[in-house]
């Protein structure tokens, strides 16, 4: 994966029903290839996702070094993750997709708005969620008000 010349998958994309997992796989593979560019991945939403799954970040990256496909990576994740019900996964996905800036967090509203300005999307005052901000920054279409199909 090359994140110097490309972008990772959308945060909305799912693998094994878990949103953000494909994006984290892309970022980990870019790190392995030495092609991360300006992306980061061992913190923030990836960290939350791995904590939810009960998987250590170093184990995750080592597994990806040894597994070339998403199917192989998913089989490894499913064999090691904390058992979760479909309802728990849905609740996690919804919480991640609905996440908005909040006062006192790393991503407060002024930083969120400034980021949208920097990526040429400052006119999109309808954008309130982080997943939509990421999609816009990476050139994906985001409907007015943001996506609701998670």
C-alpha atoms as a PDB file:
ATOM      1  CA  UNK A   1       0.000   0.000   0.000  1.00  0.00           C
ATOM      2  CA  UNK A   2       1.298   3.415  -0.964  1.00  0.00           C
ATOM      3  CA  UNK A   3      -0.136   6.361   0.960  1.00  0.00           C
ATOM      4  CA  UNK A   4       2.333   8.804  -0.516  1.00  0.00           C
ATOM      5  CA  UNK A   5       0.663   8.541  -3.915  1.00  0.00           C
ATOM      6  CA  UNK A   6      -2.714   7.137  -2.864  1.00  0.00           C
ATOM      7  CA  UNK A   7      -5.284   7.095  -0.084  1.00  0.00           C
ATOM      8  CA  UNK A   8      -6.536   4.376   2.254  1.00  0.00           C
ATOM      9  CA  UNK A   9     -10.044   3.014   2.032  1.00  0.00           C
ATOM     10  CA  UNK A  10     -12.919   5.018   3.456  1.00  0.00           C
ATOM     11  CA  UNK A  11     -13.429   4.868   7.211  1.00  0.00           C
ATOM     12  CA  UNK A  12     -16.960   3.674   6.412  1.00  0.00           C
ATOM     13  CA  UNK A  13     -15.675   0.554   4.631  1.00  0.00           C
ATOM     14  CA  UNK A  14     -16.071  -2.654   6.586  1.00  0.00           C
ATOM     15  CA  UNK A  15     -14.334  -6.000   6.775  1.00  0.00           C
ATOM     16  CA  UNK A  16     -15.950  -8.748   8.795  1.00  0.00           C
ATOM     17  CA  UNK A  17     -18.639  -6.212   9.628  1.00  0.00           C
ATOM     18  CA  UNK A  18     -16.162  -3.868  11.382  1.00  0.00           C
ATOM     19  CA  UNK A  19     -15.826  -0.328  10.064  1.00  0.00           C
ATOM     20  CA  UNK A  20     -12.376   1.245   9.906  1.00  0.00           C
ATOM     21  CA  UNK A  21     -10.672  -2.175   9.775  1.00  0.00           C
ATOM     22  CA  UNK A  22      -9.923  -1.968   6.017  1.00  0.00           C
ATOM     23  CA  UNK A  23      -8.522   1.543   6.467  1.00  0.00           C
ATOM     24  CA  UNK A  24      -6.307   0.412   9.331  1.00  0.00           C
ATOM     25  CA  UNK A  25      -5.077  -2.525   7.259  1.00  0.00           C
ATOM     26  CA  UNK A  26      -4.185  -0.120   4.454  1.00  0.00           C
ATOM     27  CA  UNK A  27      -2.288   2.146   6.821  1.00  0.00           C
ATOM     28  CA  UNK A  28      -0.439  -0.733   8.478  1.00  0.00           C
ATOM     29  CA  UNK A  29       0.552  -2.121   5.093  1.00  0.00           C
ATOM     30  CA  UNK A  30       1.772   1.329   4.052  1.00  0.00           C
ATOM     31  CA  UNK A  31       3.908   1.494   7.199  1.00  0.00           C
ATOM     32  CA  UNK A  32       5.357  -1.929   6.414  1.00  0.00           C
ATOM     33  CA  UNK A  33       6.165  -0.731   2.874  1.00  0.00           C
ATOM     34  CA  UNK A  34       7.666   2.536   4.148  1.00  0.00           C
ATOM     35  CA  UNK A  35       5.003   4.490   2.205  1.00  0.00           C
ATOM     36  CA  UNK A  36       2.940   6.191   4.956  1.00  0.00           C
ATOM     37  CA  UNK A  37       3.304   9.745   3.694  1.00  0.00           C
ATOM     38  CA  UNK A  38       1.589  12.125   6.120  1.00  0.00           C
ATOM     39  CA  UNK A  39      -0.777   9.495   7.510  1.00  0.00           C
ATOM     40  CA  UNK A  40      -0.721   8.139  11.052  1.00  0.00           C
ATOM     41  CA  UNK A  41      -2.423   4.984  12.206  1.00  0.00           C
ATOM     42  CA  UNK A  42      -1.355   3.648  15.600  1.00  0.00           C
ATOM     43  CA  UNK A  43      -3.465   6.243  17.420  1.00  0.00           C
ATOM     44  CA  UNK A  44      -6.966   7.670  17.344  1.00  0.00           C
ATOM     45  CA  UNK A  45      -9.650   5.668  15.603  1.00  0.00           C
ATOM     46  CA  UNK A  46      -7.364   2.728  14.798  1.00  0.00           C
ATOM     47  CA  UNK A  47      -6.408   2.536  18.457  1.00  0.00           C
ATOM     48  CA  UNK A  48     -10.103   2.575  19.466  1.00  0.00           C
ATOM     49  CA  UNK A  49     -10.937  -0.121  16.924  1.00  0.00           C
ATOM     50  CA  UNK A  50      -8.088  -2.384  18.020  1.00  0.00           C
ATOM     51  CA  UNK A  51      -9.034  -1.892  21.685  1.00  0.00           C
ATOM     52  CA  UNK A  52     -12.625  -2.842  20.853  1.00  0.00           C
ATOM     53  CA  UNK A  53     -11.348  -5.964  19.102  1.00  0.00           C
ATOM     54  CA  UNK A  54      -8.910  -6.731  21.928  1.00  0.00           C
ATOM     55  CA  UNK A  55      -5.920  -6.808  19.574  1.00  0.00           C
ATOM     56  CA  UNK A  56      -2.478  -5.381  20.278  1.00  0.00           C
ATOM     57  CA  UNK A  57      -1.210  -2.979  17.609  1.00  0.00           C
ATOM     58  CA  UNK A  58       2.191  -4.679  17.363  1.00  0.00           C
ATOM     59  CA  UNK A  59       0.556  -8.088  16.956  1.00  0.00           C
ATOM     60  CA  UNK A  60      -1.699  -6.607  14.290  1.00  0.00           C
ATOM     61  CA  UNK A  61       1.155  -5.239  12.220  1.00  0.00           C
ATOM     62  CA  UNK A  62       3.133  -8.463  12.570  1.00  0.00           C
ATOM     63  CA  UNK A  63       0.110 -10.422  11.369  1.00  0.00           C
ATOM     64  CA  UNK A  64      -0.148  -8.157   8.328  1.00  0.00           C
ATOM     65  CA  UNK A  65       3.537  -8.731   7.550  1.00  0.00           C
ATOM     66  CA  UNK A  66       2.673 -12.426   7.231  1.00  0.00           C
ATOM     67  CA  UNK A  67      -0.735 -12.150   5.519  1.00  0.00           C
ATOM     68  CA  UNK A  68      -1.020 -10.662   2.056  1.00  0.00           C
ATOM     69  CA  UNK A  69      -4.806 -10.561   1.619  1.00  0.00           C
ATOM     70  CA  UNK A  70      -7.736  -9.041   3.451  1.00  0.00           C
ATOM     71  CA  UNK A  71      -9.249 -12.512   3.785  1.00  0.00           C
ATOM     72  CA  UNK A  72      -6.125 -13.788   5.552  1.00  0.00           C
ATOM     73  CA  UNK A  73      -5.968 -10.701   7.760  1.00  0.00           C
ATOM     74  CA  UNK A  74      -9.646 -11.036   8.659  1.00  0.00           C
ATOM     75  CA  UNK A  75      -9.251 -14.722   9.544  1.00  0.00           C
ATOM     76  CA  UNK A  76      -6.376 -13.774  11.859  1.00  0.00           C
ATOM     77  CA  UNK A  77      -8.399 -10.941  13.462  1.00  0.00           C
ATOM     78  CA  UNK A  78     -11.450 -13.145  13.986  1.00  0.00           C
ATOM     79  CA  UNK A  79      -9.367 -15.905  15.573  1.00  0.00           C
ATOM     80  CA  UNK A  80      -7.821 -13.497  18.103  1.00  0.00           C
ATOM     81  CA  UNK A  81     -10.382 -10.796  18.744  1.00  0.00           C
ATOM     82  CA  UNK A  82     -12.523 -10.470  21.817  1.00  0.00           C
ATOM     83  CA  UNK A  83     -15.776 -12.253  20.934  1.00  0.00           C
ATOM     84  CA  UNK A  84     -18.397  -9.663  19.950  1.00  0.00           C
ATOM     85  CA  UNK A  85     -22.047  -9.976  19.067  1.00  0.00           C
ATOM     86  CA  UNK A  86     -23.452  -8.422  15.910  1.00  0.00           C
ATOM     87  CA  UNK A  87     -25.221  -5.874  18.132  1.00  0.00           C
ATOM     88  CA  UNK A  88     -21.931  -4.906  19.810  1.00  0.00           C
ATOM     89  CA  UNK A  89     -20.236  -4.496  16.436  1.00  0.00           C
ATOM     90  CA  UNK A  90     -23.149  -2.417  15.128  1.00  0.00           C
ATOM     91  CA  UNK A  91     -23.019  -0.199  18.219  1.00  0.00           C
ATOM     92  CA  UNK A  92     -19.261   0.241  17.818  1.00  0.00           C
ATOM     93  CA  UNK A  93     -19.627   1.081  14.117  1.00  0.00           C
ATOM     94  CA  UNK A  94     -22.360   3.605  14.862  1.00  0.00           C
ATOM     95  CA  UNK A  95     -20.365   5.285  17.636  1.00  0.00           C
ATOM     96  CA  UNK A  96     -17.326   5.573  15.380  1.00  0.00           C
ATOM     97  CA  UNK A  97     -19.364   6.866  12.406  1.00  0.00           C
ATOM     98  CA  UNK A  98     -21.267   9.399  14.525  1.00  0.00           C
ATOM     99  CA  UNK A  99     -18.153  10.744  16.270  1.00  0.00           C
ATOM    100  CA  UNK A 100     -17.987  14.538  16.131  1.00  0.00           C
ATOM    101  CA  UNK A 101     -15.479  17.057  17.465  1.00  0.00           C
ATOM    102  CA  UNK A 102     -15.942  18.027  21.084  1.00  0.00           C
ATOM    103  CA  UNK A 103     -14.469  20.613  23.377  1.00  0.00           C
ATOM    104  CA  UNK A 104     -11.374  19.428  25.194  1.00  0.00           C
ATOM    105  CA  UNK A 105     -10.582  16.686  22.689  1.00  0.00           C
ATOM    106  CA  UNK A 106      -7.681  16.600  20.251  1.00  0.00           C
ATOM    107  CA  UNK A 107     -10.205  17.337  17.500  1.00  0.00           C
ATOM    108  CA  UNK A 108     -12.296  20.224  18.794  1.00  0.00           C
ATOM    109  CA  UNK A 109     -14.541  22.291  16.515  1.00  0.00           C
ATOM    110  CA  UNK A 110     -11.979  25.003  15.657  1.00  0.00           C
ATOM    111  CA  UNK A 111      -9.422  22.386  14.564  1.00  0.00           C
ATOM    112  CA  UNK A 112     -12.077  20.451  12.632  1.00  0.00           C
ATOM    113  CA  UNK A 113     -13.212  23.578  10.755  1.00  0.00           C
ATOM    114  CA  UNK A 114      -9.594  24.612  10.087  1.00  0.00           C
ATOM    115  CA  UNK A 115      -8.884  21.166   8.628  1.00  0.00           C
ATOM    116  CA  UNK A 116     -11.849  21.470   6.288  1.00  0.00           C
ATOM    117  CA  UNK A 117     -10.552  24.884   5.204  1.00  0.00           C
ATOM    118  CA  UNK A 118      -7.063  23.488   4.578  1.00  0.00           C
ATOM    119  CA  UNK A 119      -8.364  20.700   2.365  1.00  0.00           C
ATOM    120  CA  UNK A 120     -10.515  23.082   0.340  1.00  0.00           C
ATOM    121  CA  UNK A 121     -13.805  22.075   1.953  1.00  0.00           C
ATOM    122  CA  UNK A 122     -14.364  25.049   4.240  1.00  0.00           C
ATOM    123  CA  UNK A 123     -17.649  25.799   2.478  1.00  0.00           C
ATOM    124  CA  UNK A 124     -19.025  22.452   3.710  1.00  0.00           C
ATOM    125  CA  UNK A 125     -20.562  23.727   6.953  1.00  0.00           C
ATOM    126  CA  UNK A 126     -22.906  20.722   6.812  1.00  0.00           C
ATOM    127  CA  UNK A 127     -20.032  18.344   7.643  1.00  0.00           C
ATOM    128  CA  UNK A 128     -19.934  17.441  11.317  1.00  0.00           C
ATOM    129  CA  UNK A 129     -18.500  13.920  11.578  1.00  0.00           C
ATOM    130  CA  UNK A 130     -14.885  12.793  11.399  1.00  0.00           C
ATOM    131  CA  UNK A 131     -15.535  10.000   8.914  1.00  0.00           C
ATOM    132  CA  UNK A 132     -17.044  12.509   6.482  1.00  0.00           C
ATOM    133  CA  UNK A 133     -14.091  14.861   7.003  1.00  0.00           C
ATOM    134  CA  UNK A 134     -11.697  12.052   6.110  1.00  0.00           C
ATOM    135  CA  UNK A 135     -13.676  11.077   3.017  1.00  0.00           C
ATOM    136  CA  UNK A 136     -13.791  14.685   1.789  1.00  0.00           C
ATOM    137  CA  UNK A 137     -10.074  15.165   2.355  1.00  0.00           C
ATOM    138  CA  UNK A 138      -9.325  12.054   0.301  1.00  0.00           C
ATOM    139  CA  UNK A 139     -11.520  13.090  -2.607  1.00  0.00           C
ATOM    140  CA  UNK A 140     -14.580  10.933  -1.987  1.00  0.00           C
ATOM    141  CA  UNK A 141     -18.066  12.326  -2.498  1.00  0.00           C
ATOM    142  CA  UNK A 142     -19.960  13.099   0.687  1.00  0.00           C
ATOM    143  CA  UNK A 143     -23.639  14.005   0.440  1.00  0.00           C
ATOM    144  CA  UNK A 144     -25.039  17.131   2.059  1.00  0.00           C
ATOM    145  CA  UNK A 145     -25.210  16.527   5.801  1.00  0.00           C
ATOM    146  CA  UNK A 146     -22.790  13.598   5.577  1.00  0.00           C
ATOM    147  CA  UNK A 147     -23.276   9.919   5.015  1.00  0.00           C
ATOM    148  CA  UNK A 148     -25.984   8.062   6.915  1.00  0.00           C
ATOM    149  CA  UNK A 149     -25.595   4.616   5.354  1.00  0.00           C
ATOM    150  CA  UNK A 150     -23.301   3.110   7.909  1.00  0.00           C
END
